[in-house]
Amino acid sequence: MADLVQYYGTGRRKSAIARVFLRPGSGNFQVNGKGLEAYFVTEQQRVSAKRPLALTELTGSFDIVTSVAGGGVSAQADAVKMGIARALLEFNAELRKTLKGEGLLTRDARGKERKKYGQKGARKRFQFSKR
Protein backbone atom coordinates (compact mmCIF):
# COMPACT_ATOMS: atom_id res chain seq x y z
CA MET A 1 0.00 0.00 0.00
CA ALA A 2 1.30 3.45 -0.93
CA ASP A 3 2.03 5.92 1.84
CA LEU A 4 -0.34 8.86 2.23
CA VAL A 5 1.45 12.04 1.13
CA GLN A 6 0.37 15.00 3.24
CA TYR A 7 1.77 18.24 4.58
CA TYR A 8 0.89 19.53 8.05
CA GLY A 9 0.68 23.02 9.50
CA THR A 10 -0.62 24.47 12.77
CA GLY A 11 -2.30 27.86 12.80
CA ARG A 12 -3.27 29.94 15.81
CA ARG A 13 -5.24 33.17 16.28
CA LYS A 14 -6.57 34.47 19.62
CA SER A 15 -7.73 31.24 21.30
CA ALA A 16 -8.45 29.35 18.05
CA ILE A 17 -6.14 26.53 16.98
CA ALA A 18 -6.27 24.90 13.54
CA ARG A 19 -4.60 21.66 12.48
CA VAL A 20 -4.29 21.67 8.70
CA PHE A 21 -3.44 18.75 6.41
CA LEU A 22 -2.70 19.36 2.70
CA ARG A 23 -3.06 16.30 0.50
CA PRO A 24 -2.52 16.29 -3.27
CA GLY A 25 -5.96 16.33 -4.88
CA SER A 26 -8.59 18.38 -6.65
CA GLY A 27 -9.21 21.32 -4.29
CA ASN A 28 -11.70 19.77 -1.84
CA PHE A 29 -11.86 21.79 1.42
CA GLN A 30 -13.15 20.32 4.70
CA VAL A 31 -13.35 22.09 8.08
CA ASN A 32 -14.38 19.91 11.04
CA GLY A 33 -16.05 17.43 8.67
CA LYS A 34 -18.10 20.12 6.86
CA GLY A 35 -17.53 21.87 3.56
CA LEU A 36 -15.92 25.31 3.43
CA GLU A 37 -19.19 27.08 2.50
CA ALA A 38 -21.09 25.28 5.28
CA TYR A 39 -18.58 26.09 8.02
CA PHE A 40 -17.44 29.63 7.10
CA VAL A 41 -20.68 31.49 6.45
CA THR A 42 -19.41 34.87 5.22
CA GLU A 43 -17.47 35.42 2.01
CA GLN A 44 -14.78 37.34 3.93
CA GLN A 45 -14.04 34.30 6.11
CA ARG A 46 -13.81 32.02 3.06
CA VAL A 47 -11.48 34.39 1.21
CA SER A 48 -9.33 34.75 4.33
CA ALA A 49 -9.02 30.98 4.75
CA LYS A 50 -8.11 30.42 1.06
CA ARG A 51 -5.70 33.38 0.79
CA PRO A 52 -2.38 31.45 0.92
CA LEU A 53 -3.55 29.12 -1.85
CA ALA A 54 -4.73 32.00 -4.04
CA LEU A 55 -1.46 33.87 -3.47
CA THR A 56 0.71 30.89 -4.46
CA GLU A 57 -1.69 29.88 -7.30
CA LEU A 58 -2.14 26.35 -5.90
CA THR A 59 -5.93 26.56 -5.39
CA GLY A 60 -6.97 23.38 -7.21
CA SER A 61 -3.96 21.20 -6.49
CA PHE A 62 -4.58 20.21 -2.83
CA ASP A 63 -7.37 18.67 -0.80
CA ILE A 64 -7.44 20.44 2.56
CA VAL A 65 -8.62 18.76 5.76
CA THR A 66 -8.65 20.90 8.89
CA SER A 67 -9.83 20.53 12.46
CA VAL A 68 -10.39 23.78 14.32
CA ALA A 69 -11.15 24.35 18.00
CA GLY A 70 -11.64 27.39 20.22
CA GLY A 71 -12.30 31.04 19.51
CA GLY A 72 -14.88 32.55 17.21
CA VAL A 73 -15.46 31.78 13.55
CA SER A 74 -13.38 34.71 12.25
CA ALA A 75 -10.44 33.78 14.47
CA GLN A 76 -10.80 30.19 13.25
CA ALA A 77 -10.66 31.37 9.62
CA ASP A 78 -7.42 33.25 10.37
CA ALA A 79 -6.02 30.20 12.17
CA VAL A 80 -6.79 28.05 9.11
CA LYS A 81 -5.08 30.66 6.93
CA MET A 82 -1.89 30.46 8.98
CA GLY A 83 -2.04 26.65 9.09
CA ILE A 84 -2.31 26.44 5.29
CA ALA A 85 0.61 28.85 4.88
CA ARG A 86 2.79 26.74 7.19
CA ALA A 87 1.79 23.52 5.43
CA LEU A 88 2.64 25.09 2.05
CA LEU A 89 6.11 25.87 3.41
CA GLU A 90 6.53 22.19 4.25
CA PHE A 91 5.49 21.38 0.67
CA ASN A 92 7.82 23.92 -0.97
CA ALA A 93 10.26 26.07 1.01
CA GLU A 94 10.67 28.47 -1.94
CA LEU A 95 7.19 29.88 -1.26
CA ARG A 96 8.51 31.46 1.98
CA LYS A 97 9.32 34.84 0.44
CA THR A 98 5.84 35.18 -1.09
CA LEU A 99 4.00 34.12 2.07
CA LYS A 100 6.18 36.12 4.46
CA GLY A 101 5.87 39.23 2.29
CA GLU A 102 2.10 39.08 2.69
CA GLY A 103 2.40 38.52 6.46
CA LEU A 104 0.84 35.05 6.42
CA LEU A 105 3.56 33.41 8.51
CA THR A 106 3.43 35.96 11.34
CA ARG A 107 1.49 34.90 14.43
CA ASP A 108 -0.95 37.62 15.48
CA ALA A 109 -0.21 37.76 19.21
CA ARG A 110 -3.20 39.93 20.13
CA GLY A 111 -5.44 38.16 22.62
CA LYS A 112 -8.01 38.95 25.24
CA GLU A 113 -6.82 41.41 27.89
CA ARG A 114 -7.27 40.24 31.47
CA LYS A 115 -9.85 41.71 33.82
CA LYS A 116 -8.27 43.93 36.46
CA TYR A 117 -9.29 44.04 40.15
CA GLY A 118 -11.37 47.03 41.21
CA GLN A 119 -12.78 47.32 37.69
CA LYS A 120 -15.73 45.88 35.82
CA GLY A 121 -13.60 44.50 33.00
CA ALA A 122 -10.22 44.93 31.34
CA ARG A 123 -10.76 48.64 30.71
CA LYS A 124 -14.27 49.46 31.91
CA ARG A 125 -14.51 50.91 35.42
CA PHE A 126 -17.32 50.86 37.94
CA GLN A 127 -19.42 54.04 37.91
CA PHE A 128 -17.74 56.89 39.80
CA SER A 129 -19.82 58.71 42.38
CA LYS A 130 -18.62 61.99 43.88
CA ARG A 131 -21.22 62.00 46.70
C-alpha atoms as a PDB file:
ATOM      1  CA  MET A   1       0.000   0.000   0.000  1.00  0.00           C
ATOM      2  CA  ALA A   2       1.300   3.453  -0.935  1.00  0.00           C
ATOM      3  CA  ASP A   3       2.029   5.923   1.837  1.00  0.00           C
ATOM      4  CA  LEU A   4      -0.338   8.858   2.229  1.00  0.00           C
ATOM      5  CA  VAL A   5       1.452  12.041   1.129  1.00  0.00           C
ATOM      6  CA  GLN A   6       0.369  14.998   3.242  1.00  0.00           C
ATOM      7  CA  TYR A   7       1.774  18.242   4.579  1.00  0.00           C
ATOM      8  CA  TYR A   8       0.890  19.533   8.053  1.00  0.00           C
ATOM      9  CA  GLY A   9       0.683  23.025   9.500  1.00  0.00           C
ATOM     10  CA  THR A  10      -0.620  24.473  12.766  1.00  0.00           C
ATOM     11  CA  GLY A  11      -2.302  27.856  12.802  1.00  0.00           C
ATOM     12  CA  ARG A  12      -3.269  29.942  15.809  1.00  0.00           C
ATOM     13  CA  ARG A  13      -5.237  33.168  16.283  1.00  0.00           C
ATOM     14  CA  LYS A  14      -6.570  34.467  19.625  1.00  0.00           C
ATOM     15  CA  SER A  15      -7.726  31.239  21.298  1.00  0.00           C
ATOM     16  CA  ALA A  16      -8.450  29.353  18.045  1.00  0.00           C
ATOM     17  CA  ILE A  17      -6.141  26.528  16.984  1.00  0.00           C
ATOM     18  CA  ALA A  18      -6.270  24.902  13.544  1.00  0.00           C
ATOM     19  CA  ARG A  19      -4.596  21.655  12.484  1.00  0.00           C
ATOM     20  CA  VAL A  20      -4.288  21.673   8.696  1.00  0.00           C
ATOM     21  CA  PHE A  21      -3.436  18.753   6.405  1.00  0.00           C
ATOM     22  CA  LEU A  22      -2.703  19.363   2.705  1.00  0.00           C
ATOM     23  CA  ARG A  23      -3.061  16.303   0.495  1.00  0.00           C
ATOM     24  CA  PRO A  24      -2.517  16.291  -3.275  1.00  0.00           C
ATOM     25  CA  GLY A  25      -5.962  16.332  -4.877  1.00  0.00           C
ATOM     26  CA  SER A  26      -8.593  18.380  -6.648  1.00  0.00           C
ATOM     27  CA  GLY A  27      -9.212  21.321  -4.288  1.00  0.00           C
ATOM     28  CA  ASN A  28     -11.703  19.766  -1.839  1.00  0.00           C
ATOM     29  CA  PHE A  29     -11.857  21.790   1.420  1.00  0.00           C
ATOM     30  CA  GLN A  30     -13.151  20.319   4.705  1.00  0.00           C
ATOM     31  CA  VAL A  31     -13.348  22.088   8.076  1.00  0.00           C
ATOM     32  CA  ASN A  32     -14.378  19.911  11.038  1.00  0.00           C
ATOM     33  CA  GLY A  33     -16.054  17.434   8.674  1.00  0.00           C
ATOM     34  CA  LYS A  34     -18.101  20.115   6.865  1.00  0.00           C
ATOM     35  CA  GLY A  35     -17.532  21.872   3.563  1.00  0.00           C
ATOM     36  CA  LEU A  36     -15.915  25.310   3.425  1.00  0.00           C
ATOM     37  CA  GLU A  37     -19.188  27.077   2.503  1.00  0.00           C
ATOM     38  CA  ALA A  38     -21.091  25.283   5.275  1.00  0.00           C
ATOM     39  CA  TYR A  39     -18.576  26.093   8.015  1.00  0.00           C
ATOM     40  CA  PHE A  40     -17.442  29.629   7.098  1.00  0.00           C
ATOM     41  CA  VAL A  41     -20.678  31.493   6.447  1.00  0.00           C
ATOM     42  CA  THR A  42     -19.414  34.872   5.217  1.00  0.00           C
ATOM     43  CA  GLU A  43     -17.474  35.422   2.012  1.00  0.00           C
ATOM     44  CA  GLN A  44     -14.779  37.345   3.926  1.00  0.00           C
ATOM     45  CA  GLN A  45     -14.042  34.301   6.107  1.00  0.00           C
ATOM     46  CA  ARG A  46     -13.813  32.020   3.056  1.00  0.00           C
ATOM     47  CA  VAL A  47     -11.481  34.394   1.210  1.00  0.00           C
ATOM     48  CA  SER A  48      -9.331  34.750   4.329  1.00  0.00           C
ATOM     49  CA  ALA A  49      -9.017  30.976   4.748  1.00  0.00           C
ATOM     50  CA  LYS A  50      -8.109  30.419   1.060  1.00  0.00           C
ATOM     51  CA  ARG A  51      -5.703  33.377   0.785  1.00  0.00           C
ATOM     52  CA  PRO A  52      -2.376  31.453   0.923  1.00  0.00           C
ATOM     53  CA  LEU A  53      -3.552  29.117  -1.849  1.00  0.00           C
ATOM     54  CA  ALA A  54      -4.727  32.000  -4.044  1.00  0.00           C
ATOM     55  CA  LEU A  55      -1.460  33.866  -3.470  1.00  0.00           C
ATOM     56  CA  THR A  56       0.713  30.894  -4.459  1.00  0.00           C
ATOM     57  CA  GLU A  57      -1.688  29.875  -7.304  1.00  0.00           C
ATOM     58  CA  LEU A  58      -2.142  26.348  -5.902  1.00  0.00           C
ATOM     59  CA  THR A  59      -5.929  26.565  -5.390  1.00  0.00           C
ATOM     60  CA  GLY A  60      -6.973  23.378  -7.213  1.00  0.00           C
ATOM     61  CA  SER A  61      -3.958  21.204  -6.492  1.00  0.00           C
ATOM     62  CA  PHE A  62      -4.581  20.214  -2.834  1.00  0.00           C
ATOM     63  CA  ASP A  63      -7.371  18.667  -0.797  1.00  0.00           C
ATOM     64  CA  ILE A  64      -7.442  20.441   2.561  1.00  0.00           C
ATOM     65  CA  VAL A  65      -8.618  18.755   5.759  1.00  0.00           C
ATOM     66  CA  THR A  66      -8.649  20.903   8.888  1.00  0.00           C
ATOM     67  CA  SER A  67      -9.830  20.532  12.463  1.00  0.00           C
ATOM     68  CA  VAL A  68     -10.386  23.779  14.321  1.00  0.00           C
ATOM     69  CA  ALA A  69     -11.147  24.349  18.004  1.00  0.00           C
ATOM     70  CA  GLY A  70     -11.638  27.388  20.218  1.00  0.00           C
ATOM     71  CA  GLY A  71     -12.296  31.041  19.514  1.00  0.00           C
ATOM     72  CA  GLY A  72     -14.880  32.550  17.212  1.00  0.00           C
ATOM     73  CA  VAL A  73     -15.463  31.782  13.552  1.00  0.00           C
ATOM     74  CA  SER A  74     -13.383  34.713  12.246  1.00  0.00           C
ATOM     75  CA  ALA A  75     -10.436  33.782  14.471  1.00  0.00           C
ATOM     76  CA  GLN A  76     -10.798  30.194  13.255  1.00  0.00           C
ATOM     77  CA  ALA A  77     -10.658  31.374   9.621  1.00  0.00           C
ATOM     78  CA  ASP A  78      -7.423  33.250  10.370  1.00  0.00           C
ATOM     79  CA  ALA A  79      -6.021  30.196  12.172  1.00  0.00           C
ATOM     80  CA  VAL A  80      -6.793  28.047   9.108  1.00  0.00           C
ATOM     81  CA  LYS A  81      -5.078  30.663   6.925  1.00  0.00           C
ATOM     82  CA  MET A  82      -1.894  30.458   8.985  1.00  0.00           C
ATOM     83  CA  GLY A  83      -2.041  26.654   9.087  1.00  0.00           C
ATOM     84  CA  ILE A  84      -2.315  26.440   5.288  1.00  0.00           C
ATOM     85  CA  ALA A  85       0.607  28.849   4.881  1.00  0.00           C
ATOM     86  CA  ARG A  86       2.794  26.741   7.189  1.00  0.00           C
ATOM     87  CA  ALA A  87       1.790  23.515   5.427  1.00  0.00           C
ATOM     88  CA  LEU A  88       2.645  25.086   2.050  1.00  0.00           C
ATOM     89  CA  LEU A  89       6.111  25.868   3.413  1.00  0.00           C
ATOM     90  CA  GLU A  90       6.528  22.188   4.253  1.00  0.00           C
ATOM     91  CA  PHE A  91       5.490  21.376   0.666  1.00  0.00           C
ATOM     92  CA  ASN A  92       7.817  23.923  -0.969  1.00  0.00           C
ATOM     93  CA  ALA A  93      10.255  26.070   1.012  1.00  0.00           C
ATOM     94  CA  GLU A  94      10.673  28.470  -1.945  1.00  0.00           C
ATOM     95  CA  LEU A  95       7.188  29.877  -1.256  1.00  0.00           C
ATOM     96  CA  ARG A  96       8.505  31.457   1.979  1.00  0.00           C
ATOM     97  CA  LYS A  97       9.319  34.844   0.443  1.00  0.00           C
ATOM     98  CA  THR A  98       5.842  35.183  -1.093  1.00  0.00           C
ATOM     99  CA  LEU A  99       4.004  34.118   2.067  1.00  0.00           C
ATOM    100  CA  LYS A 100       6.184  36.123   4.460  1.00  0.00           C
ATOM    101  CA  GLY A 101       5.872  39.234   2.291  1.00  0.00           C
ATOM    102  CA  GLU A 102       2.097  39.085   2.692  1.00  0.00           C
ATOM    103  CA  GLY A 103       2.395  38.519   6.464  1.00  0.00           C
ATOM    104  CA  LEU A 104       0.835  35.048   6.420  1.00  0.00           C
ATOM    105  CA  LEU A 105       3.565  33.413   8.513  1.00  0.00           C
ATOM    106  CA  THR A 106       3.428  35.962  11.338  1.00  0.00           C
ATOM    107  CA  ARG A 107       1.488  34.898  14.429  1.00  0.00           C
ATOM    108  CA  ASP A 108      -0.951  37.618  15.479  1.00  0.00           C
ATOM    109  CA  ALA A 109      -0.214  37.762  19.211  1.00  0.00           C
ATOM    110  CA  ARG A 110      -3.200  39.927  20.130  1.00  0.00           C
ATOM    111  CA  GLY A 111      -5.436  38.161  22.618  1.00  0.00           C
ATOM    112  CA  LYS A 112      -8.011  38.955  25.245  1.00  0.00           C
ATOM    113  CA  GLU A 113      -6.824  41.410  27.886  1.00  0.00           C
ATOM    114  CA  ARG A 114      -7.269  40.237  31.473  1.00  0.00           C
ATOM    115  CA  LYS A 115      -9.850  41.715  33.816  1.00  0.00           C
ATOM    116  CA  LYS A 116      -8.272  43.926  36.457  1.00  0.00           C
ATOM    117  CA  TYR A 117      -9.293  44.043  40.145  1.00  0.00           C
ATOM    118  CA  GLY A 118     -11.370  47.030  41.206  1.00  0.00           C
ATOM    119  CA  GLN A 119     -12.776  47.318  37.685  1.00  0.00           C
ATOM    120  CA  LYS A 120     -15.727  45.880  35.824  1.00  0.00           C
ATOM    121  CA  GLY A 121     -13.595  44.498  32.996  1.00  0.00           C
ATOM    122  CA  ALA A 122     -10.225  44.926  31.337  1.00  0.00           C
ATOM    123  CA  ARG A 123     -10.761  48.644  30.706  1.00  0.00           C
ATOM    124  CA  LYS A 124     -14.274  49.462  31.914  1.00  0.00           C
ATOM    125  CA  ARG A 125     -14.509  50.909  35.415  1.00  0.00           C
ATOM    126  CA  PHE A 126     -17.315  50.862  37.943  1.00  0.00           C
ATOM    127  CA  GLN A 127     -19.416  54.041  37.907  1.00  0.00           C
ATOM    128  CA  PHE A 128     -17.742  56.885  39.797  1.00  0.00           C
ATOM    129  CA  SER A 129     -19.820  58.707  42.379  1.00  0.00           C
ATOM    130  CA  LYS A 130     -18.616  61.990  43.880  1.00  0.00           C
ATOM    131  CA  ARG A 131     -21.223  62.002  46.702  1.00  0.00           C
END
